[in-house]
Amino acid sequence: MSPRERAARAAGPKLTFRGPPHRLTSLVALPEVAGDVGNPSALLEGAEIHGFAIRPLTSEGLNMGKATLRLPKSTPPGTYDGSVEIGGRKLAVAVEVEPRPKIDVSPSRLTFEVEPGAEAGAEVTLLNLGNVPFHVPAASTFCVFDGSGVDHAFWVAFVSDPVEGKERIDLLLDDLAESHGGLVELRARAEERTVAPGESRDVQVTLRFSDRLRSGHDYAGSWDVDGLHLRIRVNVPAKKGKAAR
């Protein structure tokens, strides 16, 4: 008998599990005898089950339990029908698997030494650990900031006397703006831009930095898109004869 047929014959209301594939949850009514859940089991059509467990919520004064269903992390999003058995009672279930974009990047951080307005490049490898295809964008932008900028802005705000018409918060915000290293323009090249779940892809990235970068300062930011997080650190060499702020 298939999980769909078992679900059709299952007694009681239909349960709905929702969440990412490795952690789908639902509240379930416990048997009248507290804690008598037996050996809970689950069957699904079109999906493998890695685990099914129930945590009673009786300590919270409820005769309910939190049921957690675990499927492979690569299970595609969608609705899967099936059934569960709790304490000898069969219930029909609908399992709604949500998209789970997750991209592993190697290396996970890139460090560059560049002049203001310069370009730099590197190769990274993307591994799709999620359950949906990942599309490598041809162009992206993100910001970088001077890591010491926050501390310096607070120092300026507290030790300086605001001019007429300004408050200390104005000094803070004005100085914080100085720590903004501008937008980074990132271009990505790959033989194939779609990375299916479980696949990897080598990607050549080229980054153009803003002329807002200041000599003698360090900046940090990240390329973030659809489950991908690549940290970027930038060092701008100090000009000879000039000290950084």
C-alpha atoms as a PDB file:
ATOM      1  CA  MET A   1       0.000   0.000   0.000  1.00  0.00           C
ATOM      2  CA  SER A   2       1.395   3.370  -1.037  1.00  0.00           C
ATOM      3  CA  PRO A   3       1.698   6.341   1.393  1.00  0.00           C
ATOM      4  CA  ARG A   4      -1.120   8.047  -0.554  1.00  0.00           C
ATOM      5  CA  GLU A   5      -3.423   5.039   0.009  1.00  0.00           C
ATOM      6  CA  ARG A   6      -2.416   4.865   3.660  1.00  0.00           C
ATOM      7  CA  ALA A   7      -3.184   8.583   3.997  1.00  0.00           C
ATOM      8  CA  ALA A   8      -6.617   8.070   2.459  1.00  0.00           C
ATOM      9  CA  ARG A   9      -7.381   5.361   5.008  1.00  0.00           C
ATOM     10  CA  ALA A  10      -5.834   7.219   7.945  1.00  0.00           C
ATOM     11  CA  ALA A  11      -8.199   8.327  10.682  1.00  0.00           C
ATOM     12  CA  GLY A  12      -8.559  11.793  12.138  1.00  0.00           C
ATOM     13  CA  PRO A  13      -7.764  15.258  10.796  1.00  0.00           C
ATOM     14  CA  LYS A  14      -4.977  15.863   8.302  1.00  0.00           C
ATOM     15  CA  LEU A  15      -1.725  17.222   9.704  1.00  0.00           C
ATOM     16  CA  THR A  16       0.393  19.753   7.839  1.00  0.00           C
ATOM     17  CA  PHE A  17       4.158  19.900   8.273  1.00  0.00           C
ATOM     18  CA  ARG A  18       6.002  23.020   7.053  1.00  0.00           C
ATOM     19  CA  GLY A  19       9.599  24.125   6.941  1.00  0.00           C
ATOM     20  CA  PRO A  20      12.963  23.444   5.280  1.00  0.00           C
ATOM     21  CA  PRO A  21      13.440  19.771   4.341  1.00  0.00           C
ATOM     22  CA  HIS A  22      15.683  18.899   7.300  1.00  0.00           C
ATOM     23  CA  ARG A  23      13.330  20.424   9.895  1.00  0.00           C
ATOM     24  CA  LEU A  24       9.594  20.235   9.157  1.00  0.00           C
ATOM     25  CA  THR A  25       7.347  20.691  12.172  1.00  0.00           C
ATOM     26  CA  SER A  26       3.718  20.374  13.216  1.00  0.00           C
ATOM     27  CA  LEU A  27       1.719  20.314  16.454  1.00  0.00           C
ATOM     28  CA  VAL A  28      -0.064  17.019  17.149  1.00  0.00           C
ATOM     29  CA  ALA A  29      -2.545  15.914  19.789  1.00  0.00           C
ATOM     30  CA  LEU A  30      -1.047  13.296  22.117  1.00  0.00           C
ATOM     31  CA  PRO A  31      -2.834  10.075  23.089  1.00  0.00           C
ATOM     32  CA  GLU A  32      -5.060  10.256  26.174  1.00  0.00           C
ATOM     33  CA  VAL A  33      -2.394   8.449  28.175  1.00  0.00           C
ATOM     34  CA  ALA A  34       0.287  11.117  28.519  1.00  0.00           C
ATOM     35  CA  GLY A  35       3.579  10.155  26.901  1.00  0.00           C
ATOM     36  CA  ASP A  36       2.134   7.015  25.254  1.00  0.00           C
ATOM     37  CA  VAL A  37       3.298   7.825  21.734  1.00  0.00           C
ATOM     38  CA  GLY A  38       4.717   4.372  21.130  1.00  0.00           C
ATOM     39  CA  ASN A  39       7.218   4.197  18.293  1.00  0.00           C
ATOM     40  CA  PRO A  40       6.105   7.000  15.942  1.00  0.00           C
ATOM     41  CA  SER A  41       6.614   6.358  12.246  1.00  0.00           C
ATOM     42  CA  ALA A  42       5.989   8.191   8.983  1.00  0.00           C
ATOM     43  CA  LEU A  43       5.572   7.384   5.286  1.00  0.00           C
ATOM     44  CA  LEU A  44       5.727   9.828   2.379  1.00  0.00           C
ATOM     45  CA  GLU A  45       5.191   9.498  -1.336  1.00  0.00           C
ATOM     46  CA  GLY A  46       8.100  10.764  -3.424  1.00  0.00           C
ATOM     47  CA  ALA A  47      10.430  11.639  -0.532  1.00  0.00           C
ATOM     48  CA  GLU A  48      12.891   9.779   1.677  1.00  0.00           C
ATOM     49  CA  ILE A  49      12.504  10.118   5.462  1.00  0.00           C
ATOM     50  CA  HIS A  50      15.599  10.551   7.624  1.00  0.00           C
ATOM     51  CA  GLY A  51      13.832  10.855  10.960  1.00  0.00           C
ATOM     52  CA  PHE A  52      10.542  11.415  12.754  1.00  0.00           C
ATOM     53  CA  ALA A  53      10.252  12.370  16.422  1.00  0.00           C
ATOM     54  CA  ILE A  54       7.752  13.885  18.851  1.00  0.00           C
ATOM     55  CA  ARG A  55       8.539  16.105  21.845  1.00  0.00           C
ATOM     56  CA  PRO A  56       5.639  16.213  24.343  1.00  0.00           C
ATOM     57  CA  LEU A  57       4.608  19.682  25.524  1.00  0.00           C
ATOM     58  CA  THR A  58       3.014  18.394  28.735  1.00  0.00           C
ATOM     59  CA  SER A  59       5.446  20.434  30.826  1.00  0.00           C
ATOM     60  CA  GLU A  60       3.761  23.524  29.334  1.00  0.00           C
ATOM     61  CA  GLY A  61       0.374  22.219  30.495  1.00  0.00           C
ATOM     62  CA  LEU A  62      -0.685  21.035  27.039  1.00  0.00           C
ATOM     63  CA  ASN A  63      -1.670  17.563  25.919  1.00  0.00           C
ATOM     64  CA  MET A  64       0.124  18.296  22.648  1.00  0.00           C
ATOM     65  CA  GLY A  65       3.429  17.406  21.097  1.00  0.00           C
ATOM     66  CA  LYS A  66       5.785  19.042  18.626  1.00  0.00           C
ATOM     67  CA  ALA A  67       6.406  16.620  15.774  1.00  0.00           C
ATOM     68  CA  THR A  68       9.575  17.034  13.708  1.00  0.00           C
ATOM     69  CA  LEU A  69      10.058  15.345  10.366  1.00  0.00           C
ATOM     70  CA  ARG A  70      13.496  15.236   8.772  1.00  0.00           C
ATOM     71  CA  LEU A  71      14.063  14.712   5.045  1.00  0.00           C
ATOM     72  CA  PRO A  72      17.290  14.930   3.017  1.00  0.00           C
ATOM     73  CA  LYS A  73      18.407  18.567   2.724  1.00  0.00           C
ATOM     74  CA  SER A  74      18.291  18.272  -1.063  1.00  0.00           C
ATOM     75  CA  THR A  75      14.569  17.348  -1.140  1.00  0.00           C
ATOM     76  CA  PRO A  76      12.980  19.686  -3.742  1.00  0.00           C
ATOM     77  CA  PRO A  77      10.364  22.179  -2.521  1.00  0.00           C
ATOM     78  CA  GLY A  78       6.749  21.159  -2.927  1.00  0.00           C
ATOM     79  CA  THR A  79       3.930  19.312  -1.162  1.00  0.00           C
ATOM     80  CA  TYR A  80       4.262  15.621  -0.342  1.00  0.00           C
ATOM     81  CA  ASP A  81       1.375  13.427   0.834  1.00  0.00           C
ATOM     82  CA  GLY A  82       1.663  10.595   3.294  1.00  0.00           C
ATOM     83  CA  SER A  83       0.760   9.440   6.784  1.00  0.00           C
ATOM     84  CA  VAL A  84       2.156   9.163  10.316  1.00  0.00           C
ATOM     85  CA  GLU A  85       1.430   6.733  13.112  1.00  0.00           C
ATOM     86  CA  ILE A  86       1.426   8.034  16.688  1.00  0.00           C
ATOM     87  CA  GLY A  87       0.483   5.763  19.579  1.00  0.00           C
ATOM     88  CA  GLY A  88      -1.238   3.320  17.220  1.00  0.00           C
ATOM     89  CA  ARG A  89      -3.287   6.095  15.588  1.00  0.00           C
ATOM     90  CA  LYS A  90      -2.795   6.813  11.872  1.00  0.00           C
ATOM     91  CA  LEU A  91      -3.106  10.358  10.569  1.00  0.00           C
ATOM     92  CA  ALA A  92      -2.947  11.697   7.021  1.00  0.00           C
ATOM     93  CA  VAL A  93      -0.278  14.355   6.473  1.00  0.00           C
ATOM     94  CA  ALA A  94       0.675  16.975   3.913  1.00  0.00           C
ATOM     95  CA  VAL A  95       4.342  17.947   4.040  1.00  0.00           C
ATOM     96  CA  GLU A  96       5.098  21.391   2.588  1.00  0.00           C
ATOM     97  CA  VAL A  97       8.832  21.598   1.901  1.00  0.00           C
ATOM     98  CA  GLU A  98      10.087  25.168   1.629  1.00  0.00           C
ATOM     99  CA  PRO A  99      12.928  26.346  -0.633  1.00  0.00           C
ATOM    100  CA  ARG A 100      16.313  26.187   1.100  1.00  0.00           C
ATOM    101  CA  PRO A 101      18.958  28.086  -0.873  1.00  0.00           C
ATOM    102  CA  LYS A 102      22.444  27.381   0.482  1.00  0.00           C
ATOM    103  CA  ILE A 103      25.719  27.843  -1.382  1.00  0.00           C
ATOM    104  CA  ASP A 104      29.108  26.878   0.040  1.00  0.00           C
ATOM    105  CA  VAL A 105      31.914  29.100  -1.283  1.00  0.00           C
ATOM    106  CA  SER A 106      35.573  28.103  -1.352  1.00  0.00           C
ATOM    107  CA  PRO A 107      37.517  30.056  -0.315  1.00  0.00           C
ATOM    108  CA  SER A 108      34.979  31.618   2.041  1.00  0.00           C
ATOM    109  CA  ARG A 109      36.908  34.917   2.208  1.00  0.00           C
ATOM    110  CA  LEU A 110      38.879  36.944  -0.318  1.00  0.00           C
ATOM    111  CA  THR A 111      41.490  39.519   0.684  1.00  0.00           C
ATOM    112  CA  PHE A 112      42.784  42.181  -1.692  1.00  0.00           C
ATOM    113  CA  GLU A 113      45.313  45.000  -1.545  1.00  0.00           C
ATOM    114  CA  VAL A 114      44.142  47.658  -3.972  1.00  0.00           C
ATOM    115  CA  GLU A 115      44.324  51.343  -4.749  1.00  0.00           C
ATOM    116  CA  PRO A 116      41.120  53.445  -4.832  1.00  0.00           C
ATOM    117  CA  GLY A 117      39.170  52.806  -8.045  1.00  0.00           C
ATOM    118  CA  ALA A 118      41.200  49.698  -8.934  1.00  0.00           C
ATOM    119  CA  GLU A 119      40.071  46.240 -10.073  1.00  0.00           C
ATOM    120  CA  ALA A 120      40.974  42.821  -8.677  1.00  0.00           C
ATOM    121  CA  GLY A 121      40.010  39.273  -9.548  1.00  0.00           C
ATOM    122  CA  ALA A 122      39.902  35.752  -8.117  1.00  0.00           C
ATOM    123  CA  GLU A 123      38.421  32.315  -8.761  1.00  0.00           C
ATOM    124  CA  VAL A 124      35.973  30.717  -6.334  1.00  0.00           C
ATOM    125  CA  THR A 125      34.174  27.375  -6.303  1.00  0.00           C
ATOM    126  CA  LEU A 126      30.456  27.257  -5.553  1.00  0.00           C
ATOM    127  CA  LEU A 127      28.854  24.081  -4.167  1.00  0.00           C
ATOM    128  CA  ASN A 128      25.050  23.972  -4.047  1.00  0.00           C
ATOM    129  CA  LEU A 129      24.056  22.445  -0.699  1.00  0.00           C
ATOM    130  CA  GLY A 130      20.444  23.620  -0.972  1.00  0.00           C
ATOM    131  CA  ASN A 131      17.333  22.153  -2.558  1.00  0.00           C
ATOM    132  CA  VAL A 132      16.833  24.668  -5.394  1.00  0.00           C
ATOM    133  CA  PRO A 133      18.995  25.575  -8.416  1.00  0.00           C
ATOM    134  CA  PHE A 134      21.303  28.579  -7.967  1.00  0.00           C
ATOM    135  CA  HIS A 135      21.796  31.112 -10.748  1.00  0.00           C
ATOM    136  CA  VAL A 136      25.164  32.861 -10.787  1.00  0.00           C
ATOM    137  CA  PRO A 137      24.366  36.563 -11.408  1.00  0.00           C
ATOM    138  CA  ALA A 138      26.405  38.237 -14.114  1.00  0.00           C
ATOM    139  CA  ALA A 139      26.699  41.486 -12.124  1.00  0.00           C
ATOM    140  CA  SER A 140      26.172  42.473  -8.483  1.00  0.00           C
ATOM    141  CA  THR A 141      26.994  45.352  -6.158  1.00  0.00           C
ATOM    142  CA  PHE A 142      27.674  45.564  -2.434  1.00  0.00           C
ATOM    143  CA  CYS A 143      29.203  48.024   0.025  1.00  0.00           C
ATOM    144  CA  VAL A 144      32.417  47.941   2.034  1.00  0.00           C
ATOM    145  CA  PHE A 145      33.033  49.815   5.274  1.00  0.00           C
ATOM    146  CA  ASP A 146      36.060  50.867   7.275  1.00  0.00           C
ATOM    147  CA  GLY A 147      36.119  48.565  10.312  1.00  0.00           C
ATOM    148  CA  SER A 148      37.478  51.307  12.585  1.00  0.00           C
ATOM    149  CA  GLY A 149      34.896  53.841  11.419  1.00  0.00           C
ATOM    150  CA  VAL A 150      32.309  53.210  14.161  1.00  0.00           C
ATOM    151  CA  ASP A 151      34.796  53.679  16.994  1.00  0.00           C
ATOM    152  CA  HIS A 152      36.189  56.838  15.420  1.00  0.00           C
ATOM    153  CA  ALA A 153      32.699  58.277  14.827  1.00  0.00           C
ATOM    154  CA  PHE A 154      31.744  57.852  18.499  1.00  0.00           C
ATOM    155  CA  TRP A 155      35.049  59.383  19.567  1.00  0.00           C
ATOM    156  CA  VAL A 156      34.414  62.420  17.351  1.00  0.00           C
ATOM    157  CA  ALA A 157      30.832  62.781  18.624  1.00  0.00           C
ATOM    158  CA  PHE A 158      31.866  62.777  22.286  1.00  0.00           C
ATOM    159  CA  VAL A 159      35.055  64.842  22.226  1.00  0.00           C
ATOM    160  CA  SER A 160      34.030  67.493  19.682  1.00  0.00           C
ATOM    161  CA  ASP A 161      31.757  70.460  20.299  1.00  0.00           C
ATOM    162  CA  PRO A 162      29.036  70.699  17.630  1.00  0.00           C
ATOM    163  CA  VAL A 163      28.850  73.930  15.694  1.00  0.00           C
ATOM    164  CA  GLU A 164      25.717  76.018  15.961  1.00  0.00           C
ATOM    165  CA  GLY A 165      22.718  74.275  14.410  1.00  0.00           C
ATOM    166  CA  LYS A 166      24.125  70.764  14.826  1.00  0.00           C
ATOM    167  CA  GLU A 167      23.837  68.080  17.497  1.00  0.00           C
ATOM    168  CA  ARG A 168      26.275  65.369  18.525  1.00  0.00           C
ATOM    169  CA  ILE A 169      24.270  62.841  16.538  1.00  0.00           C
ATOM    170  CA  ASP A 170      25.027  64.909  13.433  1.00  0.00           C
ATOM    171  CA  LEU A 171      28.760  64.633  14.146  1.00  0.00           C
ATOM    172  CA  LEU A 172      28.373  60.873  14.608  1.00  0.00           C
ATOM    173  CA  LEU A 173      26.512  60.360  11.343  1.00  0.00           C
ATOM    174  CA  ASP A 174      28.790  62.658   9.345  1.00  0.00           C
ATOM    175  CA  ASP A 175      31.866  60.779  10.515  1.00  0.00           C
ATOM    176  CA  LEU A 176      30.229  57.398   9.913  1.00  0.00           C
ATOM    177  CA  ALA A 177      29.639  58.440   6.318  1.00  0.00           C
ATOM    178  CA  GLU A 178      33.398  58.813   5.951  1.00  0.00           C
ATOM    179  CA  SER A 179      33.825  55.104   6.789  1.00  0.00           C
ATOM    180  CA  HIS A 180      31.717  54.078   3.779  1.00  0.00           C
ATOM    181  CA  GLY A 181      34.069  52.749   1.137  1.00  0.00           C
ATOM    182  CA  GLY A 182      31.503  53.042  -1.636  1.00  0.00           C
ATOM    183  CA  LEU A 183      29.951  50.388  -3.860  1.00  0.00           C
ATOM    184  CA  VAL A 184      31.902  47.417  -5.163  1.00  0.00           C
ATOM    185  CA  GLU A 185      30.885  46.283  -8.653  1.00  0.00           C
ATOM    186  CA  LEU A 186      31.276  42.517  -9.026  1.00  0.00           C
ATOM    187  CA  ARG A 187      31.166  40.671 -12.342  1.00  0.00           C
ATOM    188  CA  ALA A 188      31.016  36.860 -12.423  1.00  0.00           C
ATOM    189  CA  ARG A 189      31.911  34.539 -15.293  1.00  0.00           C
ATOM    190  CA  ALA A 190      31.138  30.807 -15.449  1.00  0.00           C
ATOM    191  CA  GLU A 191      30.815  28.207 -18.212  1.00  0.00           C
ATOM    192  CA  GLU A 192      27.296  27.449 -16.970  1.00  0.00           C
ATOM    193  CA  ARG A 193      25.431  29.882 -14.731  1.00  0.00           C
ATOM    194  CA  THR A 194      22.933  27.407 -13.265  1.00  0.00           C
ATOM    195  CA  VAL A 195      24.227  25.248 -10.398  1.00  0.00           C
ATOM    196  CA  ALA A 196      21.846  22.394  -9.603  1.00  0.00           C
ATOM    197  CA  PRO A 197      21.545  20.994  -6.045  1.00  0.00           C
ATOM    198  CA  GLY A 198      24.577  18.825  -5.304  1.00  0.00           C
ATOM    199  CA  GLU A 199      26.637  20.314  -8.154  1.00  0.00           C
ATOM    200  CA  SER A 200      29.669  22.609  -8.012  1.00  0.00           C
ATOM    201  CA  ARG A 201      30.890  25.310 -10.357  1.00  0.00           C
ATOM    202  CA  ASP A 202      34.118  27.321 -10.729  1.00  0.00           C
ATOM    203  CA  VAL A 203      33.404  31.033 -11.069  1.00  0.00           C
ATOM    204  CA  GLN A 204      35.781  33.840 -12.019  1.00  0.00           C
ATOM    205  CA  VAL A 205      34.926  37.071 -10.196  1.00  0.00           C
ATOM    206  CA  THR A 206      36.201  40.547 -11.013  1.00  0.00           C
ATOM    207  CA  LEU A 207      35.682  43.365  -8.516  1.00  0.00           C
ATOM    208  CA  ARG A 208      35.941  47.087  -9.232  1.00  0.00           C
ATOM    209  CA  PHE A 209      36.380  49.176  -6.087  1.00  0.00           C
ATOM    210  CA  SER A 210      35.221  52.741  -5.541  1.00  0.00           C
ATOM    211  CA  ASP A 211      37.506  55.748  -5.490  1.00  0.00           C
ATOM    212  CA  ARG A 212      35.974  56.486  -2.060  1.00  0.00           C
ATOM    213  CA  LEU A 213      38.530  54.103  -0.555  1.00  0.00           C
ATOM    214  CA  ARG A 214      41.111  55.972   1.499  1.00  0.00           C
ATOM    215  CA  SER A 215      44.811  55.151   1.648  1.00  0.00           C
ATOM    216  CA  GLY A 216      45.992  53.451   4.826  1.00  0.00           C
ATOM    217  CA  HIS A 217      42.558  52.022   5.684  1.00  0.00           C
ATOM    218  CA  ASP A 218      41.069  48.528   5.810  1.00  0.00           C
ATOM    219  CA  TYR A 219      37.557  47.750   4.601  1.00  0.00           C
ATOM    220  CA  ALA A 220      35.206  44.797   4.817  1.00  0.00           C
ATOM    221  CA  GLY A 221      31.967  43.712   3.149  1.00  0.00           C
ATOM    222  CA  SER A 222      30.342  40.651   1.626  1.00  0.00           C
ATOM    223  CA  TRP A 223      28.834  39.397  -1.607  1.00  0.00           C
ATOM    224  CA  ASP A 224      25.409  38.090  -0.564  1.00  0.00           C
ATOM    225  CA  VAL A 225      22.901  36.580  -2.973  1.00  0.00           C
ATOM    226  CA  ASP A 226      20.350  33.728  -2.677  1.00  0.00           C
ATOM    227  CA  GLY A 227      22.085  31.693   0.038  1.00  0.00           C
ATOM    228  CA  LEU A 228      25.617  32.701  -0.957  1.00  0.00           C
ATOM    229  CA  HIS A 229      27.860  34.625   1.462  1.00  0.00           C
ATOM    230  CA  LEU A 230      31.405  35.524   0.416  1.00  0.00           C
ATOM    231  CA  ARG A 231      33.379  37.782   2.756  1.00  0.00           C
ATOM    232  CA  ILE A 232      35.587  40.453   1.209  1.00  0.00           C
ATOM    233  CA  ARG A 233      38.433  42.270   2.975  1.00  0.00           C
ATOM    234  CA  VAL A 234      40.291  45.172   1.375  1.00  0.00           C
ATOM    235  CA  ASN A 235      43.556  46.812   2.376  1.00  0.00           C
ATOM    236  CA  VAL A 236      44.426  50.159   0.823  1.00  0.00           C
ATOM    237  CA  PRO A 237      48.181  50.872   1.100  1.00  0.00           C
ATOM    238  CA  ALA A 238      49.142  54.096   2.847  1.00  0.00           C
ATOM    239  CA  LYS A 239      50.705  56.738   0.641  1.00  0.00           C
ATOM    240  CA  LYS A 240      54.285  57.458   1.478  1.00  0.00           C
ATOM    241  CA  GLY A 241      54.677  60.458   3.708  1.00  0.00           C
ATOM    242  CA  LYS A 242      50.981  60.438   4.718  1.00  0.00           C
ATOM    243  CA  ALA A 243      49.553  58.851   7.867  1.00  0.00           C
ATOM    244  CA  ALA A 244      46.107  57.311   8.031  1.00  0.00           C
ATOM    245  CA  ARG A 245      43.441  58.964  10.231  1.00  0.00           C
END
